[in-house]
Amino acid sequence: MPTRRSEREIAEDLAELYEQSFAGKERGRYRVSMKHMRALTGRRRVTDDVVKKISEELFEFGFVLVDLETYFVVLAQRTFNSYRRVSDSTLMQLTGSES
């Protein structure tokens, strides 16, 4: 197993991967298997605490890390800027209550 790397170093690598061309795309979102995350971290087991720290570091670079148990997804924060927002009235209709 390789030497353990800091969460900051791992986040830097994940951010760099976003800009690289692979899998038929010039750049953009991607997923990383648990096997590859273990290799990146230099750990046999990637704990929730390690994932949280990597996620926090990656957020500083403008990216979001989503843990989907068997793999991880890396997305740009700006991806979410155009998403619809839930209004108070919509939420009230859904829950049948007033806030």
PDB file of N, CA and C in Angstrom:
ATOM      1  N   MET A   1       0.858  -1.178   0.000  1.00  0.00           N
ATOM      2  CA  MET A   1       0.000   0.000   0.000  1.00  0.00           C
ATOM      3  C   MET A   1       0.902   1.238   0.000  1.00  0.00           C
ATOM      4  N   PRO A   2       0.596   2.236  -0.845  1.00  0.00           N
ATOM      5  CA  PRO A   2       1.415   3.451  -0.883  1.00  0.00           C
ATOM      6  C   PRO A   2       1.340   4.236   0.429  1.00  0.00           C
ATOM      7  N   THR A   3       2.182   5.201   0.557  1.00  0.00           N
ATOM      8  CA  THR A   3       2.193   6.070   1.730  1.00  0.00           C
ATOM      9  C   THR A   3       0.889   6.851   1.821  1.00  0.00           C
ATOM     10  N   ARG A   4       0.397   6.990   3.046  1.00  0.00           N
ATOM     11  CA  ARG A   4      -0.818   7.783   3.257  1.00  0.00           C
ATOM     12  C   ARG A   4      -0.570   9.227   2.859  1.00  0.00           C
ATOM     13  N   ARG A   5      -1.558   9.787   2.200  1.00  0.00           N
ATOM     14  CA  ARG A   5      -1.455  11.162   1.729  1.00  0.00           C
ATOM     15  C   ARG A   5      -2.434  12.031   2.497  1.00  0.00           C
ATOM     16  N   SER A   6      -2.154  13.309   2.562  1.00  0.00           N
ATOM     17  CA  SER A   6      -3.047  14.218   3.276  1.00  0.00           C
ATOM     18  C   SER A   6      -4.328  14.417   2.478  1.00  0.00           C
ATOM     19  N   GLU A   7      -5.370  14.790   3.190  1.00  0.00           N
ATOM     20  CA  GLU A   7      -6.656  15.053   2.552  1.00  0.00           C
ATOM     21  C   GLU A   7      -6.533  16.211   1.558  1.00  0.00           C
ATOM     22  N   ARG A   8      -5.686  17.170   1.866  1.00  0.00           N
ATOM     23  CA  ARG A   8      -5.448  18.308   0.969  1.00  0.00           C
ATOM     24  C   ARG A   8      -4.833  17.839  -0.355  1.00  0.00           C
ATOM     25  N   GLU A   9      -3.840  16.964  -0.279  1.00  0.00           N
ATOM     26  CA  GLU A   9      -3.192  16.438  -1.486  1.00  0.00           C
ATOM     27  C   GLU A   9      -4.189  15.659  -2.341  1.00  0.00           C
ATOM     28  N   ILE A  10      -5.014  14.865  -1.691  1.00  0.00           N
ATOM     29  CA  ILE A  10      -6.019  14.073  -2.403  1.00  0.00           C
ATOM     30  C   ILE A  10      -7.016  14.997  -3.089  1.00  0.00           C
ATOM     31  N   ALA A  11      -7.467  16.026  -2.377  1.00  0.00           N
ATOM     32  CA  ALA A  11      -8.412  16.995  -2.946  1.00  0.00           C
ATOM     33  C   ALA A  11      -7.797  17.711  -4.144  1.00  0.00           C
ATOM     34  N   GLU A  12      -6.524  18.054  -4.054  1.00  0.00           N
ATOM     35  CA  GLU A  12      -5.842  18.705  -5.179  1.00  0.00           C
ATOM     36  C   GLU A  12      -5.852  17.790  -6.399  1.00  0.00           C
ATOM     37  N   ASP A  13      -5.570  16.513  -6.189  1.00  0.00           N
ATOM     38  CA  ASP A  13      -5.578  15.553  -7.301  1.00  0.00           C
ATOM     39  C   ASP A  13      -6.972  15.405  -7.898  1.00  0.00           C
ATOM     40  N   LEU A  14      -7.986  15.317  -7.047  1.00  0.00           N
ATOM     41  CA  LEU A  14      -9.363  15.177  -7.535  1.00  0.00           C
ATOM     42  C   LEU A  14      -9.798  16.413  -8.316  1.00  0.00           C
ATOM     43  N   ALA A  15      -9.404  17.599  -7.853  1.00  0.00           N
ATOM     44  CA  ALA A  15      -9.719  18.836  -8.565  1.00  0.00           C
ATOM     45  C   ALA A  15      -9.008  18.869  -9.918  1.00  0.00           C
ATOM     46  N   GLU A  16      -7.778  18.417  -9.946  1.00  0.00           N
ATOM     47  CA  GLU A  16      -7.006  18.383 -11.196  1.00  0.00           C
ATOM     48  C   GLU A  16      -7.642  17.415 -12.204  1.00  0.00           C
ATOM     49  N   LEU A  17      -8.128  16.282 -11.712  1.00  0.00           N
ATOM     50  CA  LEU A  17      -8.780  15.308 -12.595  1.00  0.00           C
ATOM     51  C   LEU A  17      -9.982  15.904 -13.313  1.00  0.00           C
ATOM     52  N   TYR A  18     -10.689  16.818 -12.658  1.00  0.00           N
ATOM     53  CA  TYR A  18     -11.860  17.452 -13.249  1.00  0.00           C
ATOM     54  C   TYR A  18     -11.494  18.160 -14.554  1.00  0.00           C
ATOM     55  N   GLU A  19     -10.303  18.700 -14.612  1.00  0.00           N
ATOM     56  CA  GLU A  19      -9.854  19.465 -15.774  1.00  0.00           C
ATOM     57  C   GLU A  19      -9.188  18.591 -16.841  1.00  0.00           C
ATOM     58  N   GLN A  20      -8.925  17.335 -16.533  1.00  0.00           N
ATOM     59  CA  GLN A  20      -8.237  16.460 -17.480  1.00  0.00           C
ATOM     60  C   GLN A  20      -9.201  15.777 -18.439  1.00  0.00           C
ATOM     61  N   SER A  21      -8.694  15.489 -19.616  1.00  0.00           N
ATOM     62  CA  SER A  21      -9.451  14.779 -20.639  1.00  0.00           C
ATOM     63  C   SER A  21      -9.300  13.278 -20.427  1.00  0.00           C
ATOM     64  N   PHE A  22     -10.425  12.573 -20.278  1.00  0.00           N
ATOM     65  CA  PHE A  22     -10.416  11.111 -20.213  1.00  0.00           C
ATOM     66  C   PHE A  22     -11.835  10.601 -20.420  1.00  0.00           C
ATOM     67  N   ALA A  23     -11.962   9.338 -20.715  1.00  0.00           N
ATOM     68  CA  ALA A  23     -13.264   8.670 -20.921  1.00  0.00           C
ATOM     69  C   ALA A  23     -14.111   9.374 -21.980  1.00  0.00           C
ATOM     70  N   GLY A  24     -13.443   9.916 -23.003  1.00  0.00           N
ATOM     71  CA  GLY A  24     -14.152  10.532 -24.114  1.00  0.00           C
ATOM     72  C   GLY A  24     -14.656  11.946 -23.876  1.00  0.00           C
ATOM     73  N   LYS A  25     -14.298  12.540 -22.744  1.00  0.00           N
ATOM     74  CA  LYS A  25     -14.731  13.908 -22.430  1.00  0.00           C
ATOM     75  C   LYS A  25     -13.504  14.791 -22.225  1.00  0.00           C
ATOM     76  N   GLU A  26     -13.639  16.045 -22.636  1.00  0.00           N
ATOM     77  CA  GLU A  26     -12.535  17.000 -22.481  1.00  0.00           C
ATOM     78  C   GLU A  26     -12.266  17.310 -21.012  1.00  0.00           C
ATOM     79  N   ARG A  27     -13.325  17.471 -20.239  1.00  0.00           N
ATOM     80  CA  ARG A  27     -13.230  17.801 -18.816  1.00  0.00           C
ATOM     81  C   ARG A  27     -14.608  17.617 -18.203  1.00  0.00           C
ATOM     82  N   GLY A  28     -14.690  17.703 -16.897  1.00  0.00           N
ATOM     83  CA  GLY A  28     -15.997  17.680 -16.250  1.00  0.00           C
ATOM     84  C   GLY A  28     -16.153  16.613 -15.188  1.00  0.00           C
ATOM     85  N   ARG A  29     -17.395  16.462 -14.775  1.00  0.00           N
ATOM     86  CA  ARG A  29     -17.723  15.557 -13.669  1.00  0.00           C
ATOM     87  C   ARG A  29     -17.264  14.137 -13.975  1.00  0.00           C
ATOM     88  N   TYR A  30     -17.011  13.426 -12.890  1.00  0.00           N
ATOM     89  CA  TYR A  30     -16.540  12.046 -13.030  1.00  0.00           C
ATOM     90  C   TYR A  30     -16.812  11.286 -11.739  1.00  0.00           C
ATOM     91  N   ARG A  31     -16.608   9.969 -11.818  1.00  0.00           N
ATOM     92  CA  ARG A  31     -16.737   9.161 -10.622  1.00  0.00           C
ATOM     93  C   ARG A  31     -15.465   8.375 -10.388  1.00  0.00           C
ATOM     94  N   VAL A  32     -15.221   8.057  -9.129  1.00  0.00           N
ATOM     95  CA  VAL A  32     -14.026   7.340  -8.697  1.00  0.00           C
ATOM     96  C   VAL A  32     -14.488   6.143  -7.875  1.00  0.00           C
ATOM     97  N   SER A  33     -14.010   4.964  -8.227  1.00  0.00           N
ATOM     98  CA  SER A  33     -14.386   3.765  -7.474  1.00  0.00           C
ATOM     99  C   SER A  33     -13.747   3.785  -6.085  1.00  0.00           C
ATOM    100  N   MET A  34     -14.303   3.000  -5.186  1.00  0.00           N
ATOM    101  CA  MET A  34     -13.729   2.871  -3.846  1.00  0.00           C
ATOM    102  C   MET A  34     -12.303   2.327  -3.944  1.00  0.00           C
ATOM    103  N   LYS A  35     -12.090   1.405  -4.872  1.00  0.00           N
ATOM    104  CA  LYS A  35     -10.749   0.851  -5.076  1.00  0.00           C
ATOM    105  C   LYS A  35      -9.747   1.953  -5.413  1.00  0.00           C
ATOM    106  N   HIS A  36     -10.133   2.844  -6.326  1.00  0.00           N
ATOM    107  CA  HIS A  36      -9.235   3.932  -6.706  1.00  0.00           C
ATOM    108  C   HIS A  36      -9.085   4.963  -5.594  1.00  0.00           C
ATOM    109  N   MET A  37     -10.141   5.170  -4.809  1.00  0.00           N
ATOM    110  CA  MET A  37     -10.042   6.105  -3.683  1.00  0.00           C
ATOM    111  C   MET A  37      -9.069   5.545  -2.631  1.00  0.00           C
ATOM    112  N   ARG A  38      -9.098   4.240  -2.419  1.00  0.00           N
ATOM    113  CA  ARG A  38      -8.134   3.637  -1.488  1.00  0.00           C
ATOM    114  C   ARG A  38      -6.708   3.850  -1.998  1.00  0.00           C
ATOM    115  N   ALA A  39      -6.518   3.689  -3.296  1.00  0.00           N
ATOM    116  CA  ALA A  39      -5.191   3.905  -3.887  1.00  0.00           C
ATOM    117  C   ALA A  39      -4.764   5.367  -3.757  1.00  0.00           C
ATOM    118  N   LEU A  40      -5.676   6.292  -4.017  1.00  0.00           N
ATOM    119  CA  LEU A  40      -5.368   7.727  -3.893  1.00  0.00           C
ATOM    120  C   LEU A  40      -4.987   8.116  -2.473  1.00  0.00           C
ATOM    121  N   THR A  41      -5.696   7.532  -1.503  1.00  0.00           N
ATOM    122  CA  THR A  41      -5.464   7.894  -0.107  1.00  0.00           C
ATOM    123  C   THR A  41      -4.315   7.142   0.529  1.00  0.00           C
ATOM    124  N   GLY A  42      -3.942   5.988  -0.066  1.00  0.00           N
ATOM    125  CA  GLY A  42      -2.915   5.160   0.542  1.00  0.00           C
ATOM    126  C   GLY A  42      -3.430   4.411   1.755  1.00  0.00           C
ATOM    127  N   ARG A  43      -4.729   4.143   1.770  1.00  0.00           N
ATOM    128  CA  ARG A  43      -5.358   3.454   2.901  1.00  0.00           C
ATOM    129  C   ARG A  43      -6.058   2.189   2.438  1.00  0.00           C
ATOM    130  N   ARG A  44      -6.114   1.216   3.318  1.00  0.00           N
ATOM    131  CA  ARG A  44      -6.887   0.012   3.031  1.00  0.00           C
ATOM    132  C   ARG A  44      -8.371   0.260   3.192  1.00  0.00           C
ATOM    133  N   ARG A  45      -8.685   1.159   4.117  1.00  0.00           N
ATOM    134  CA  ARG A  45     -10.082   1.482   4.408  1.00  0.00           C
ATOM    135  C   ARG A  45     -10.234   2.993   4.415  1.00  0.00           C
ATOM    136  N   VAL A  46     -11.160   3.495   3.637  1.00  0.00           N
ATOM    137  CA  VAL A  46     -11.422   4.936   3.586  1.00  0.00           C
ATOM    138  C   VAL A  46     -12.611   5.201   4.514  1.00  0.00           C
ATOM    139  N   THR A  47     -12.329   5.739   5.680  1.00  0.00           N
ATOM    140  CA  THR A  47     -13.363   5.959   6.689  1.00  0.00           C
ATOM    141  C   THR A  47     -14.216   7.183   6.366  1.00  0.00           C
ATOM    142  N   ASP A  48     -15.364   7.275   7.018  1.00  0.00           N
ATOM    143  CA  ASP A  48     -16.243   8.431   6.846  1.00  0.00           C
ATOM    144  C   ASP A  48     -15.525   9.721   7.214  1.00  0.00           C
ATOM    145  N   ASP A  49     -14.684   9.663   8.235  1.00  0.00           N
ATOM    146  CA  ASP A  49     -13.947  10.847   8.663  1.00  0.00           C
ATOM    147  C   ASP A  49     -12.986  11.324   7.576  1.00  0.00           C
ATOM    148  N   VAL A  50     -12.311  10.403   6.930  1.00  0.00           N
ATOM    149  CA  VAL A  50     -11.381  10.741   5.838  1.00  0.00           C
ATOM    150  C   VAL A  50     -12.160  11.341   4.671  1.00  0.00           C
ATOM    151  N   VAL A  51     -13.295  10.731   4.325  1.00  0.00           N
ATOM    152  CA  VAL A  51     -14.130  11.245   3.227  1.00  0.00           C
ATOM    153  C   VAL A  51     -14.599  12.661   3.544  1.00  0.00           C
ATOM    154  N   LYS A  52     -15.005  12.896   4.785  1.00  0.00           N
ATOM    155  CA  LYS A  52     -15.466  14.234   5.180  1.00  0.00           C
ATOM    156  C   LYS A  52     -14.342  15.268   5.024  1.00  0.00           C
ATOM    157  N   LYS A  53     -13.154  14.908   5.452  1.00  0.00           N
ATOM    158  CA  LYS A  53     -12.020  15.833   5.344  1.00  0.00           C
ATOM    159  C   LYS A  53     -11.655  16.105   3.885  1.00  0.00           C
ATOM    160  N   ILE A  54     -11.662  15.066   3.060  1.00  0.00           N
ATOM    161  CA  ILE A  54     -11.387  15.252   1.629  1.00  0.00           C
ATOM    162  C   ILE A  54     -12.456  16.151   1.024  1.00  0.00           C
ATOM    163  N   SER A  55     -13.705  15.900   1.390  1.00  0.00           N
ATOM    164  CA  SER A  55     -14.822  16.698   0.880  1.00  0.00           C
ATOM    165  C   SER A  55     -14.674  18.169   1.253  1.00  0.00           C
ATOM    166  N   GLU A  56     -14.290  18.431   2.496  1.00  0.00           N
ATOM    167  CA  GLU A  56     -14.091  19.819   2.949  1.00  0.00           C
ATOM    168  C   GLU A  56     -12.970  20.496   2.172  1.00  0.00           C
ATOM    169  N   GLU A  57     -11.885  19.781   1.959  1.00  0.00           N
ATOM    170  CA  GLU A  57     -10.765  20.341   1.195  1.00  0.00           C
ATOM    171  C   GLU A  57     -11.166  20.581  -0.262  1.00  0.00           C
ATOM    172  N   LEU A  58     -11.868  19.634  -0.847  1.00  0.00           N
ATOM    173  CA  LEU A  58     -12.291  19.747  -2.241  1.00  0.00           C
ATOM    174  C   LEU A  58     -13.253  20.921  -2.424  1.00  0.00           C
ATOM    175  N   PHE A  59     -14.100  21.162  -1.425  1.00  0.00           N
ATOM    176  CA  PHE A  59     -15.036  22.287  -1.462  1.00  0.00           C
ATOM    177  C   PHE A  59     -14.292  23.613  -1.583  1.00  0.00           C
ATOM    178  N   GLU A  60     -13.128  23.707  -0.943  1.00  0.00           N
ATOM    179  CA  GLU A  60     -12.311  24.923  -1.018  1.00  0.00           C
ATOM    180  C   GLU A  60     -11.822  25.191  -2.436  1.00  0.00           C
ATOM    181  N   PHE A  61     -11.734  24.142  -3.244  1.00  0.00           N
ATOM    182  CA  PHE A  61     -11.325  24.280  -4.647  1.00  0.00           C
ATOM    183  C   PHE A  61     -12.512  24.478  -5.585  1.00  0.00           C
ATOM    184  N   GLY A  62     -13.736  24.511  -5.028  1.00  0.00           N
ATOM    185  CA  GLY A  62     -14.914  24.747  -5.859  1.00  0.00           C
ATOM    186  C   GLY A  62     -15.605  23.485  -6.353  1.00  0.00           C
ATOM    187  N   PHE A  63     -15.365  22.366  -5.668  1.00  0.00           N
ATOM    188  CA  PHE A  63     -15.956  21.097  -6.080  1.00  0.00           C
ATOM    189  C   PHE A  63     -16.704  20.436  -4.937  1.00  0.00           C
ATOM    190  N   VAL A  64     -17.590  19.522  -5.288  1.00  0.00           N
ATOM    191  CA  VAL A  64     -18.378  18.771  -4.316  1.00  0.00           C
ATOM    192  C   VAL A  64     -18.057  17.299  -4.494  1.00  0.00           C
ATOM    193  N   LEU A  65     -17.845  16.608  -3.383  1.00  0.00           N
ATOM    194  CA  LEU A  65     -17.612  15.170  -3.392  1.00  0.00           C
ATOM    195  C   LEU A  65     -18.860  14.489  -2.848  1.00  0.00           C
ATOM    196  N   VAL A  66     -19.444  13.597  -3.636  1.00  0.00           N
ATOM    197  CA  VAL A  66     -20.642  12.870  -3.229  1.00  0.00           C
ATOM    198  C   VAL A  66     -20.257  11.410  -3.007  1.00  0.00           C
ATOM    199  N   ASP A  67     -20.512  10.924  -1.804  1.00  0.00           N
ATOM    200  CA  ASP A  67     -20.211   9.544  -1.450  1.00  0.00           C
ATOM    201  C   ASP A  67     -21.440   8.692  -1.747  1.00  0.00           C
ATOM    202  N   LEU A  68     -21.320   7.791  -2.715  1.00  0.00           N
ATOM    203  CA  LEU A  68     -22.427   6.907  -3.085  1.00  0.00           C
ATOM    204  C   LEU A  68     -22.123   5.458  -2.689  1.00  0.00           C
ATOM    205  N   GLU A  69     -21.369   5.310  -1.613  1.00  0.00           N
ATOM    206  CA  GLU A  69     -20.999   4.048  -0.972  1.00  0.00           C
ATOM    207  C   GLU A  69     -20.016   3.194  -1.752  1.00  0.00           C
ATOM    208  N   THR A  70     -20.314   2.838  -2.995  1.00  0.00           N
ATOM    209  CA  THR A  70     -19.372   2.018  -3.754  1.00  0.00           C
ATOM    210  C   THR A  70     -18.481   2.857  -4.669  1.00  0.00           C
ATOM    211  N   TYR A  71     -18.845   4.106  -4.839  1.00  0.00           N
ATOM    212  CA  TYR A  71     -18.013   5.038  -5.602  1.00  0.00           C
ATOM    213  C   TYR A  71     -18.320   6.466  -5.175  1.00  0.00           C
ATOM    214  N   PHE A  72     -17.485   7.390  -5.638  1.00  0.00           N
ATOM    215  CA  PHE A  72     -17.617   8.807  -5.322  1.00  0.00           C
ATOM    216  C   PHE A  72     -17.794   9.585  -6.613  1.00  0.00           C
ATOM    217  N   VAL A  73     -18.547  10.674  -6.544  1.00  0.00           N
ATOM    218  CA  VAL A  73     -18.746  11.546  -7.694  1.00  0.00           C
ATOM    219  C   VAL A  73     -18.149  12.907  -7.362  1.00  0.00           C
ATOM    220  N   VAL A  74     -17.463  13.499  -8.321  1.00  0.00           N
ATOM    221  CA  VAL A  74     -16.916  14.845  -8.165  1.00  0.00           C
ATOM    222  C   VAL A  74     -17.621  15.755  -9.165  1.00  0.00           C
ATOM    223  N   LEU A  75     -18.210  16.840  -8.633  1.00  0.00           N
ATOM    224  CA  LEU A  75     -18.945  17.814  -9.438  1.00  0.00           C
ATOM    225  C   LEU A  75     -18.473  19.217  -9.087  1.00  0.00           C
ATOM    226  N   ALA A  76     -18.582  20.135 -10.017  1.00  0.00           N
ATOM    227  CA  ALA A  76     -18.274  21.535  -9.742  1.00  0.00           C
ATOM    228  C   ALA A  76     -19.420  22.154  -8.952  1.00  0.00           C
ATOM    229  N   GLN A  77     -19.092  22.991  -7.972  1.00  0.00           N
ATOM    230  CA  GLN A  77     -20.123  23.677  -7.187  1.00  0.00           C
ATOM    231  C   GLN A  77     -21.035  24.494  -8.090  1.00  0.00           C
ATOM    232  N   ARG A  78     -20.481  25.093  -9.116  1.00  0.00           N
ATOM    233  CA  ARG A  78     -21.276  25.959  -9.999  1.00  0.00           C
ATOM    234  C   ARG A  78     -22.378  25.193 -10.728  1.00  0.00           C
ATOM    235  N   THR A  79     -22.259  23.866 -10.776  1.00  0.00           N
ATOM    236  CA  THR A  79     -23.289  23.023 -11.390  1.00  0.00           C
ATOM    237  C   THR A  79     -24.646  23.264 -10.738  1.00  0.00           C
ATOM    238  N   PHE A  80     -24.620  23.548  -9.451  1.00  0.00           N
ATOM    239  CA  PHE A  80     -25.855  23.657  -8.684  1.00  0.00           C
ATOM    240  C   PHE A  80     -26.484  25.050  -8.716  1.00  0.00           C
ATOM    241  N   ASN A  81     -25.788  26.033  -9.261  1.00  0.00           N
ATOM    242  CA  ASN A  81     -26.293  27.411  -9.276  1.00  0.00           C
ATOM    243  C   ASN A  81     -27.605  27.576 -10.033  1.00  0.00           C
ATOM    244  N   SER A  82     -27.827  26.780 -11.059  1.00  0.00           N
ATOM    245  CA  SER A  82     -29.034  26.941 -11.873  1.00  0.00           C
ATOM    246  C   SER A  82     -30.181  26.029 -11.423  1.00  0.00           C
ATOM    247  N   TYR A  83     -29.974  25.269 -10.364  1.00  0.00           N
ATOM    248  CA  TYR A  83     -31.042  24.385  -9.880  1.00  0.00           C
ATOM    249  C   TYR A  83     -32.201  25.203  -9.322  1.00  0.00           C
ATOM    250  N   ARG A  84     -33.407  24.679  -9.460  1.00  0.00           N
ATOM    251  CA  ARG A  84     -34.590  25.339  -8.914  1.00  0.00           C
ATOM    252  C   ARG A  84     -34.502  25.404  -7.393  1.00  0.00           C
ATOM    253  N   ARG A  85     -35.061  26.469  -6.831  1.00  0.00           N
ATOM    254  CA  ARG A  85     -35.100  26.613  -5.384  1.00  0.00           C
ATOM    255  C   ARG A  85     -36.517  26.325  -4.900  1.00  0.00           C
ATOM    256  N   VAL A  86     -36.621  25.670  -3.781  1.00  0.00           N
ATOM    257  CA  VAL A  86     -37.923  25.413  -3.173  1.00  0.00           C
ATOM    258  C   VAL A  86     -38.328  26.660  -2.409  1.00  0.00           C
ATOM    259  N   SER A  87     -39.515  27.187  -2.696  1.00  0.00           N
ATOM    260  CA  SER A  87     -40.015  28.366  -2.002  1.00  0.00           C
ATOM    261  C   SER A  87     -40.772  27.947  -0.741  1.00  0.00           C
ATOM    262  N   ASP A  88     -41.044  28.919   0.121  1.00  0.00           N
ATOM    263  CA  ASP A  88     -41.824  28.655   1.334  1.00  0.00           C
ATOM    264  C   ASP A  88     -43.199  28.091   0.982  1.00  0.00           C
ATOM    265  N   SER A  89     -43.849  28.697  -0.024  1.00  0.00           N
ATOM    266  CA  SER A  89     -45.198  28.261  -0.380  1.00  0.00           C
ATOM    267  C   SER A  89     -45.194  26.820  -0.940  1.00  0.00           C
ATOM    268  N   THR A  90     -44.179  26.485  -1.707  1.00  0.00           N
ATOM    269  CA  THR A  90     -44.089  25.129  -2.243  1.00  0.00           C
ATOM    270  C   THR A  90     -43.902  24.119  -1.108  1.00  0.00           C
ATOM    271  N   LEU A  91     -43.064  24.469  -0.166  1.00  0.00           N
ATOM    272  CA  LEU A  91     -42.828  23.579   0.959  1.00  0.00           C
ATOM    273  C   LEU A  91     -44.080  23.449   1.824  1.00  0.00           C
ATOM    274  N   MET A  92     -44.788  24.542   1.990  1.00  0.00           N
ATOM    275  CA  MET A  92     -46.036  24.495   2.767  1.00  0.00           C
ATOM    276  C   MET A  92     -47.060  23.596   2.090  1.00  0.00           C
ATOM    277  N   GLN A  93     -47.157  23.661   0.765  1.00  0.00           N
ATOM    278  CA  GLN A  93     -48.080  22.792   0.032  1.00  0.00           C
ATOM    279  C   GLN A  93     -47.707  21.324   0.212  1.00  0.00           C
ATOM    280  N   LEU A  94     -46.443  21.060   0.213  1.00  0.00           N
ATOM    281  CA  LEU A  94     -45.969  19.692   0.352  1.00  0.00           C
ATOM    282  C   LEU A  94     -46.246  19.129   1.752  1.00  0.00           C
ATOM    283  N   THR A  95     -45.990  19.942   2.761  1.00  0.00           N
ATOM    284  CA  THR A  95     -46.130  19.473   4.138  1.00  0.00           C
ATOM    285  C   THR A  95     -47.501  19.725   4.730  1.00  0.00           C
ATOM    286  N   GLY A  96     -48.285  20.615   4.097  1.00  0.00           N
ATOM    287  CA  GLY A  96     -49.604  20.937   4.619  1.00  0.00           C
ATOM    288  C   GLY A  96     -49.549  21.772   5.873  1.00  0.00           C
ATOM    289  N   SER A  97     -48.422  22.461   6.096  1.00  0.00           N
ATOM    290  CA  SER A  97     -48.285  23.295   7.292  1.00  0.00           C
ATOM    291  C   SER A  97     -47.711  24.648   6.910  1.00  0.00           C
ATOM    292  N   GLU A  98     -47.765  25.553   7.875  1.00  0.00           N
ATOM    293  CA  GLU A  98     -47.173  26.877   7.669  1.00  0.00           C
ATOM    294  C   GLU A  98     -45.935  27.016   8.531  1.00  0.00           C
ATOM    295  N   SER A  99     -44.937  27.712   7.998  1.00  0.00           N
ATOM    296  CA  SER A  99     -43.707  27.914   8.752  1.00  0.00           C
ATOM    297  C   SER A  99     -43.722  29.216   9.475  1.00  0.00           C
TER     298      SER A  99
END
